[in-house]
Amino acid sequence: MLSTAADRLPEGDGWLFEPKWDGFRTLVFRDGDEIMIQSRDGKPMNRYFPELIAPVAASLPERCVVDGEIVIVSAGGLDFEALLLRIHPAASRVQLLAAQTPASFVAWDLLALGDEDLRGEPLAARRERLEQGLARAAPPVHVSPATRDRAVAEDWFRRFEGAGLDGVMAKRLDAPYRAGERTMIKVKHTRTADCVVAGFRWHKNGAGTMVGSLLLGLYDDEGRLQHVGVTAAFSNAVRKQLVAELAPLRQRALEGHPWRDWAEAQVDADAKGLRLPGATSRWNRGKDLSWEPVRPERVCEVAYDHLQGSRFRHAAQFVRWRPDKRPQDCRYDQLEVTPAYELGRVFGARDPDLKRRQGS
């Protein structure tokens, strides 16, 4: 079952609200001693999260199918980067990471129990069966908090971001489970930032044809321009227009460019914590990451949903050019920072007293 984006929580009765977990969407199948952990696209994931097999077997009913999310909790909240490190071909590496940064499974829907296919049942009934079936679940297996109170959900939206949760999900209590359909609503955090455009990459059609993406930068406290991400959602007409617009800024662009020596100094930059464009990792190996520098004189406003460390988690959305903004004023300190919120409080929402306060 999939979701569609919205800019606010739905009004009215008949909704169940849950935190939006920032992890790997996962189906867990249990048939006695047999456990299969499966990704959203149908790939088996047992080998990447071996530490979850025994806890899942201990917490889930004897025969069931559960929908949920695999997350990794660090001191600063949910750590999506640590999850990405798990998708590694070396079993020894996976075992080491499983010990160093163990994963958790958060369940939010029960699709089958014993011989019953529950997908045709309304969510309200599935949720009740889920809570009953996982009543004795123990960490690292959790049942996601849920509430029917929109005010509580709005409070979650404000407070839980500091724990790494990136929004709130809304689901109809009377709806069956419709696989492949966008029946859930997700409301994610969206903010804007003014960024320096310091380079671009050509479109996959080839150099000189269209601009593929703009490379964005923000100045840190030491006055260094850090690479924070890209913005790439342009129409083909705009991509062609950008070729002409950026042409003057390409002249003598490398003279004094803050990223001029990124290739030669990549090792040194990594040691200093710099974010420079074009670095190769296991996630983009084989991809053309060549880029064209432009003089860092233009500023654009972009919308972003989540800051992961020192850069945007996802590609930012271009909003508009800001000719009224000075590049040197595009600094990290403009970004809204949400204080960390203790994840134990989120997972602890199954406490009876807290559940009563949430109206679930």
Protein backbone atom coordinates (compact mmCIF):
# COMPACT_ATOMS: atom_id res chain seq x y z
CA MET A 1 0.00 0.00 0.00
CA LEU A 2 1.42 3.35 -1.07
CA SER A 3 0.93 6.99 -0.14
CA THR A 4 0.33 10.36 -1.72
CA ALA A 5 1.77 13.64 -0.45
CA ALA A 6 -0.27 16.43 1.12
CA ASP A 7 0.64 19.73 2.74
CA ARG A 8 -1.57 19.27 5.80
CA LEU A 9 -3.30 16.59 7.84
CA PRO A 10 -6.83 15.74 6.67
CA GLU A 11 -9.78 17.13 8.59
CA GLY A 12 -12.77 15.24 9.95
CA ASP A 13 -13.29 11.93 11.68
CA GLY A 14 -12.33 8.45 10.61
CA TRP A 15 -8.56 8.87 10.38
CA LEU A 16 -5.71 7.07 12.08
CA PHE A 17 -2.45 9.01 12.35
CA GLU A 18 1.03 7.54 12.76
CA PRO A 19 4.56 8.97 12.74
CA LYS A 20 6.31 8.68 9.37
CA TRP A 21 9.39 6.56 9.99
CA ASP A 22 12.58 7.34 8.08
CA GLY A 23 13.79 3.84 7.25
CA PHE A 24 13.38 0.89 4.88
CA ARG A 25 9.76 -0.08 4.15
CA THR A 26 9.55 -3.78 4.98
CA LEU A 27 7.21 -6.78 4.92
CA VAL A 28 7.95 -9.53 7.43
CA PHE A 29 6.63 -13.05 6.80
CA ARG A 30 6.70 -15.61 9.62
CA ASP A 31 5.76 -19.26 9.30
CA GLY A 32 6.97 -21.01 12.44
CA ASP A 33 10.75 -21.00 12.41
CA GLU A 34 10.89 -19.54 8.90
CA ILE A 35 11.33 -15.76 8.73
CA MET A 36 11.50 -13.73 5.54
CA ILE A 37 12.22 -10.00 5.58
CA GLN A 38 11.30 -8.43 2.25
CA SER A 39 11.83 -4.95 0.82
CA ARG A 40 9.09 -2.92 -0.85
CA ASP A 41 10.30 -4.05 -4.28
CA GLY A 42 10.25 -7.72 -3.29
CA LYS A 43 13.93 -8.27 -2.53
CA PRO A 44 14.92 -10.49 0.44
CA MET A 45 16.75 -8.62 3.19
CA ASN A 46 17.49 -11.28 5.82
CA ARG A 47 21.21 -11.17 5.07
CA TYR A 48 21.40 -7.41 5.62
CA PHE A 49 19.67 -7.44 9.02
CA PRO A 50 20.58 -10.75 10.66
CA GLU A 51 20.15 -9.31 14.15
CA LEU A 52 16.39 -8.96 13.58
CA ILE A 53 15.64 -12.62 12.86
CA ALA A 54 15.55 -13.89 16.45
CA PRO A 55 13.66 -10.87 17.91
CA VAL A 56 11.08 -11.05 15.13
CA ALA A 57 10.57 -14.76 15.78
CA ALA A 58 10.12 -14.03 19.49
CA SER A 59 7.71 -11.11 19.04
CA LEU A 60 5.47 -11.97 16.08
CA PRO A 61 2.60 -14.49 16.03
CA GLU A 62 3.44 -18.01 14.85
CA ARG A 63 2.12 -17.42 11.32
CA CYS A 64 1.63 -13.89 10.05
CA VAL A 65 2.51 -11.15 7.57
CA VAL A 66 3.34 -7.73 9.01
CA ASP A 67 3.93 -4.40 7.24
CA GLY A 68 6.33 -1.91 8.80
CA GLU A 69 9.71 -0.23 8.68
CA ILE A 70 13.29 -1.12 9.55
CA VAL A 71 15.08 1.75 11.28
CA ILE A 72 18.38 2.32 13.02
CA VAL A 73 18.42 4.49 16.12
CA SER A 74 21.55 6.49 16.94
CA ALA A 75 22.26 9.07 19.62
CA GLY A 76 20.87 11.81 17.37
CA GLY A 77 17.71 9.98 16.30
CA LEU A 78 16.94 7.79 13.31
CA ASP A 79 20.02 7.24 11.15
CA PHE A 80 19.18 6.56 7.50
CA GLU A 81 22.84 6.70 6.45
CA ALA A 82 23.57 3.77 8.77
CA LEU A 83 20.80 1.81 7.03
CA LEU A 84 22.39 2.44 3.63
CA LEU A 85 25.68 1.03 4.87
CA ARG A 86 23.95 -2.31 5.48
CA ILE A 87 23.38 -2.95 1.78
CA HIS A 88 26.88 -4.35 1.46
CA PRO A 89 28.03 -7.46 -0.42
CA ALA A 90 30.42 -8.64 2.32
CA ALA A 91 28.70 -10.71 5.02
CA SER A 92 31.53 -9.95 7.46
CA ARG A 93 30.90 -6.22 7.05
CA VAL A 94 27.17 -6.67 7.61
CA GLN A 95 27.80 -8.71 10.77
CA LEU A 96 30.13 -6.02 12.12
CA LEU A 97 27.58 -3.26 11.48
CA ALA A 98 24.78 -5.37 12.94
CA ALA A 99 26.74 -5.47 16.20
CA GLN A 100 27.77 -1.80 16.11
CA THR A 101 24.47 -0.25 14.94
CA PRO A 102 21.67 -2.79 15.46
CA ALA A 103 18.40 -2.22 13.64
CA SER A 104 14.83 -2.13 14.93
CA PHE A 105 11.56 -3.14 13.28
CA VAL A 106 8.49 -0.92 13.69
CA ALA A 107 5.21 -2.66 12.80
CA TRP A 108 2.10 -0.75 11.80
CA ASP A 109 -0.17 -3.17 9.92
CA LEU A 110 -1.14 -6.85 10.09
CA LEU A 111 -1.92 -8.36 6.68
CA ALA A 112 -2.35 -12.02 7.58
CA LEU A 113 -2.72 -14.07 10.74
CA GLY A 114 -2.73 -17.85 10.67
CA ASP A 115 -4.89 -18.83 7.70
CA GLU A 116 -6.69 -15.45 7.61
CA ASP A 117 -6.00 -12.91 4.88
CA LEU A 118 -6.77 -9.64 6.66
CA ARG A 119 -6.21 -7.30 3.73
CA GLY A 120 -9.93 -6.97 3.08
CA GLU A 121 -10.65 -5.98 6.67
CA PRO A 122 -10.88 -2.27 7.62
CA LEU A 123 -7.77 -0.71 9.14
CA ALA A 124 -9.51 -0.30 12.51
CA ALA A 125 -9.88 -4.10 12.77
CA ARG A 126 -6.36 -4.76 11.47
CA ARG A 127 -4.90 -2.32 13.97
CA GLU A 128 -6.70 -4.02 16.86
CA ARG A 129 -5.48 -7.43 15.72
CA LEU A 130 -1.94 -6.03 15.34
CA GLU A 131 -1.89 -4.72 18.90
CA GLN A 132 -3.25 -8.01 20.21
CA GLY A 133 -0.85 -10.12 18.17
CA LEU A 134 2.22 -8.09 19.16
CA ALA A 135 1.17 -7.36 22.74
CA ARG A 136 4.33 -9.05 24.06
CA ALA A 137 6.68 -7.56 21.47
CA ALA A 138 9.98 -6.44 22.97
CA PRO A 139 12.74 -4.21 21.60
CA PRO A 140 14.00 -4.15 18.92
CA VAL A 141 10.47 -4.96 17.70
CA HIS A 142 7.91 -2.21 18.26
CA VAL A 143 4.35 -1.35 17.33
CA SER A 144 4.15 2.14 15.85
CA PRO A 145 2.31 4.71 17.96
CA ALA A 146 -1.06 5.66 16.49
CA THR A 147 -3.80 8.11 17.40
CA ARG A 148 -7.23 9.17 16.13
CA ASP A 149 -6.75 12.64 17.61
CA ARG A 150 -5.68 15.15 14.94
CA ALA A 151 -4.34 17.55 17.60
CA VAL A 152 -2.02 14.83 18.91
CA ALA A 153 -0.85 14.12 15.35
CA GLU A 154 -0.11 17.80 14.79
CA ASP A 155 1.93 17.79 18.00
CA TRP A 156 3.84 14.75 16.76
CA PHE A 157 4.53 16.57 13.49
CA ARG A 158 6.16 19.44 15.37
CA ARG A 159 8.08 17.49 17.99
CA PHE A 160 9.11 14.17 16.50
CA GLU A 161 11.25 15.63 13.71
CA GLY A 162 14.10 16.06 16.16
CA ALA A 163 14.14 12.28 16.51
CA GLY A 164 14.57 11.86 12.76
CA LEU A 165 10.94 11.13 11.91
CA ASP A 166 10.06 13.05 8.78
CA GLY A 167 6.32 13.63 9.07
CA VAL A 168 2.96 12.03 9.84
CA MET A 169 0.91 9.42 7.97
CA ALA A 170 -2.89 9.51 7.77
CA LYS A 171 -4.95 6.40 6.99
CA ARG A 172 -8.69 5.82 6.75
CA LEU A 173 -9.92 3.59 9.57
CA ASP A 174 -12.57 2.03 7.31
CA ALA A 175 -10.17 1.29 4.42
CA PRO A 176 -8.96 -2.19 3.42
CA TYR A 177 -5.31 -2.81 2.55
CA ARG A 178 -5.00 -2.05 -1.17
CA ALA A 179 -1.58 -3.11 -2.37
CA GLY A 180 -0.15 -0.87 -5.08
CA GLU A 181 -2.69 1.89 -4.50
CA ARG A 182 -1.93 5.29 -2.99
CA THR A 183 -4.53 5.21 -0.24
CA MET A 184 -2.40 6.63 2.58
CA ILE A 185 -1.61 10.34 3.00
CA LYS A 186 1.85 11.52 4.02
CA VAL A 187 2.52 15.00 5.36
CA LYS A 188 6.23 15.73 5.39
CA HIS A 189 8.27 18.63 6.71
CA THR A 190 9.07 21.16 4.00
CA ARG A 191 11.22 24.22 4.43
CA THR A 192 13.02 26.63 2.15
CA ALA A 193 16.61 27.80 2.04
CA ASP A 194 18.54 30.31 -0.03
CA CYS A 195 21.52 28.55 -1.63
CA VAL A 196 24.46 29.54 -3.79
CA VAL A 197 24.58 27.95 -7.24
CA ALA A 198 28.24 27.01 -7.67
CA GLY A 199 28.06 24.52 -10.53
CA PHE A 200 25.87 22.24 -12.57
CA ARG A 201 25.83 18.87 -14.27
CA TRP A 202 24.85 18.32 -17.87
CA HIS A 203 21.70 16.39 -18.67
CA LYS A 204 22.14 12.73 -19.57
CA ASN A 205 21.43 13.67 -23.20
CA GLY A 206 24.95 15.05 -23.38
CA ALA A 207 27.08 18.12 -22.74
CA GLY A 208 25.75 21.32 -24.23
CA THR A 209 22.18 20.06 -24.60
CA MET A 210 20.41 20.78 -21.33
CA VAL A 211 21.29 21.36 -17.68
CA GLY A 212 20.62 18.27 -15.61
CA SER A 213 20.98 19.64 -12.08
CA LEU A 214 22.28 22.65 -10.21
CA LEU A 215 24.90 22.14 -7.46
CA LEU A 216 23.97 23.99 -4.30
CA GLY A 217 26.19 25.40 -1.57
CA LEU A 218 25.93 27.00 1.86
CA TYR A 219 28.63 28.82 3.78
CA ASP A 220 29.64 27.38 7.15
CA ASP A 221 30.85 29.28 10.22
CA GLU A 222 34.40 29.35 8.84
CA GLY A 223 33.27 30.93 5.59
CA ARG A 224 33.78 27.78 3.51
CA LEU A 225 31.25 26.95 0.83
CA GLN A 226 29.95 23.46 1.54
CA HIS A 227 28.16 21.37 -1.08
CA VAL A 228 24.68 20.65 0.35
CA GLY A 229 22.91 18.94 -2.52
CA VAL A 230 21.29 19.47 -5.89
CA THR A 231 18.06 20.70 -7.42
CA ALA A 232 17.00 18.99 -10.61
CA ALA A 233 13.21 19.07 -11.15
CA PHE A 234 13.07 21.24 -14.28
CA SER A 235 11.08 20.99 -17.50
CA ASN A 236 13.08 20.40 -20.67
CA ALA A 237 12.34 23.97 -21.77
CA VAL A 238 13.82 25.36 -18.56
CA ARG A 239 16.81 23.01 -18.83
CA LYS A 240 17.61 24.43 -22.26
CA GLN A 241 17.10 27.98 -21.00
CA LEU A 242 19.54 27.38 -18.14
CA VAL A 243 22.31 26.60 -20.63
CA ALA A 244 22.11 30.17 -21.90
CA GLU A 245 21.48 31.71 -18.47
CA LEU A 246 24.53 30.11 -16.88
CA ALA A 247 26.87 30.66 -19.84
CA PRO A 248 28.20 34.04 -18.60
CA LEU A 249 28.94 32.54 -15.17
CA ARG A 250 31.08 29.81 -16.73
CA GLN A 251 33.65 32.34 -17.93
CA ARG A 252 36.75 32.23 -15.69
CA ALA A 253 34.67 30.20 -13.26
CA LEU A 254 37.63 28.30 -11.79
CA GLU A 255 39.52 31.45 -10.87
CA GLY A 256 39.17 31.48 -7.11
CA HIS A 257 36.32 28.98 -7.15
CA PRO A 258 35.89 27.46 -3.65
CA TRP A 259 35.60 23.96 -5.14
CA ARG A 260 38.43 24.30 -7.63
CA ASP A 261 40.69 21.69 -6.10
CA TRP A 262 38.02 19.29 -4.91
CA ALA A 263 39.32 16.35 -6.94
CA GLU A 264 42.94 16.62 -5.81
CA ALA A 265 42.01 17.47 -2.26
CA GLN A 266 39.15 14.99 -1.76
CA VAL A 267 40.98 12.94 0.87
CA ASP A 268 41.92 16.07 2.78
CA ALA A 269 38.38 17.40 2.45
CA ASP A 270 36.92 14.20 3.88
CA ALA A 271 39.25 14.46 6.86
CA LYS A 272 38.11 18.04 7.48
CA GLY A 273 34.43 17.26 7.04
CA LEU A 274 34.02 19.29 3.85
CA ARG A 275 31.15 18.49 1.48
CA LEU A 276 32.44 18.82 -2.08
CA PRO A 277 30.65 17.80 -5.28
CA GLY A 278 31.64 14.87 -7.42
CA ALA A 279 32.95 12.43 -4.81
CA THR A 280 32.47 8.77 -5.69
CA SER A 281 30.97 6.32 -3.23
CA ARG A 282 29.68 2.77 -3.44
CA TRP A 283 26.21 4.20 -4.03
CA ASN A 284 27.08 6.14 -7.17
CA ARG A 285 30.02 4.15 -8.54
CA GLY A 286 29.92 4.09 -12.33
CA LYS A 287 27.74 7.18 -12.56
CA ASP A 288 29.06 10.24 -14.39
CA LEU A 289 29.59 12.81 -11.65
CA SER A 290 31.53 15.32 -13.72
CA TRP A 291 30.37 18.87 -13.20
CA GLU A 292 30.78 22.32 -14.65
CA PRO A 293 31.79 25.14 -12.31
CA VAL A 294 30.09 28.52 -12.39
CA ARG A 295 31.09 31.62 -10.51
CA PRO A 296 29.19 31.43 -7.19
CA GLU A 297 27.28 34.65 -7.75
CA ARG A 298 23.67 33.53 -8.20
CA VAL A 299 21.29 32.59 -5.41
CA CYS A 300 18.19 30.45 -5.66
CA GLU A 301 15.54 29.50 -3.13
CA VAL A 302 14.86 25.79 -2.83
CA ALA A 303 12.41 23.72 -0.79
CA TYR A 304 13.79 20.80 1.20
CA ASP A 305 12.18 18.31 3.52
CA HIS A 306 15.00 16.97 5.66
CA LEU A 307 18.59 17.83 6.57
CA GLN A 308 20.78 14.73 6.94
CA GLY A 309 23.94 15.83 8.69
CA SER A 310 25.28 18.75 6.68
CA ARG A 311 23.31 18.26 3.46
CA PHE A 312 19.81 17.84 2.10
CA ARG A 313 18.62 14.26 2.37
CA HIS A 314 16.75 14.38 -0.96
CA ALA A 315 17.10 16.54 -4.04
CA ALA A 316 15.75 20.00 -3.26
CA GLN A 317 12.90 21.58 -5.22
CA PHE A 318 13.72 24.76 -7.12
CA VAL A 319 11.40 27.59 -6.02
CA ARG A 320 12.77 30.77 -7.60
CA TRP A 321 15.86 32.82 -8.27
CA ARG A 322 16.75 35.35 -5.56
CA PRO A 323 18.60 38.27 -7.22
CA ASP A 324 17.99 40.28 -4.06
CA LYS A 325 20.14 37.90 -1.97
CA ARG A 326 23.92 38.07 -1.60
CA PRO A 327 25.74 34.74 -1.97
CA GLN A 328 27.74 35.35 1.22
CA ASP A 329 24.48 35.53 3.16
CA CYS A 330 23.58 31.94 2.21
CA ARG A 331 24.70 30.29 5.41
CA TYR A 332 23.82 27.23 7.43
CA ASP A 333 22.52 29.38 10.26
CA GLN A 334 19.41 30.22 8.19
CA LEU A 335 18.23 26.62 8.49
CA GLU A 336 15.69 25.73 11.12
CA VAL A 337 17.10 23.14 13.49
CA THR A 338 14.66 21.02 15.48
CA PRO A 339 15.96 19.85 18.88
CA ALA A 340 16.41 16.12 19.27
CA TYR A 341 13.44 14.32 20.79
CA GLU A 342 14.00 11.18 22.78
CA LEU A 343 13.04 8.19 20.63
CA GLY A 344 12.22 6.20 23.74
CA ARG A 345 9.29 8.54 24.21
CA VAL A 346 8.07 7.72 20.71
CA PHE A 347 8.48 3.97 21.07
CA GLY A 348 6.98 4.22 24.53
CA ALA A 349 3.62 5.29 23.12
CA ARG A 350 2.31 1.79 23.82
CA ASP A 351 2.24 2.63 27.52
CA PRO A 352 -1.47 2.47 28.57
CA ASP A 353 -1.52 5.90 30.22
CA LEU A 354 0.07 7.52 27.19
CA LYS A 355 -2.33 5.71 24.87
CA ARG A 356 -5.28 7.12 26.76
CA ARG A 357 -3.85 10.64 26.45
CA GLN A 358 -3.40 10.10 22.69
CA GLY A 359 -6.98 8.98 22.20
CA SER A 360 -6.02 5.71 20.50
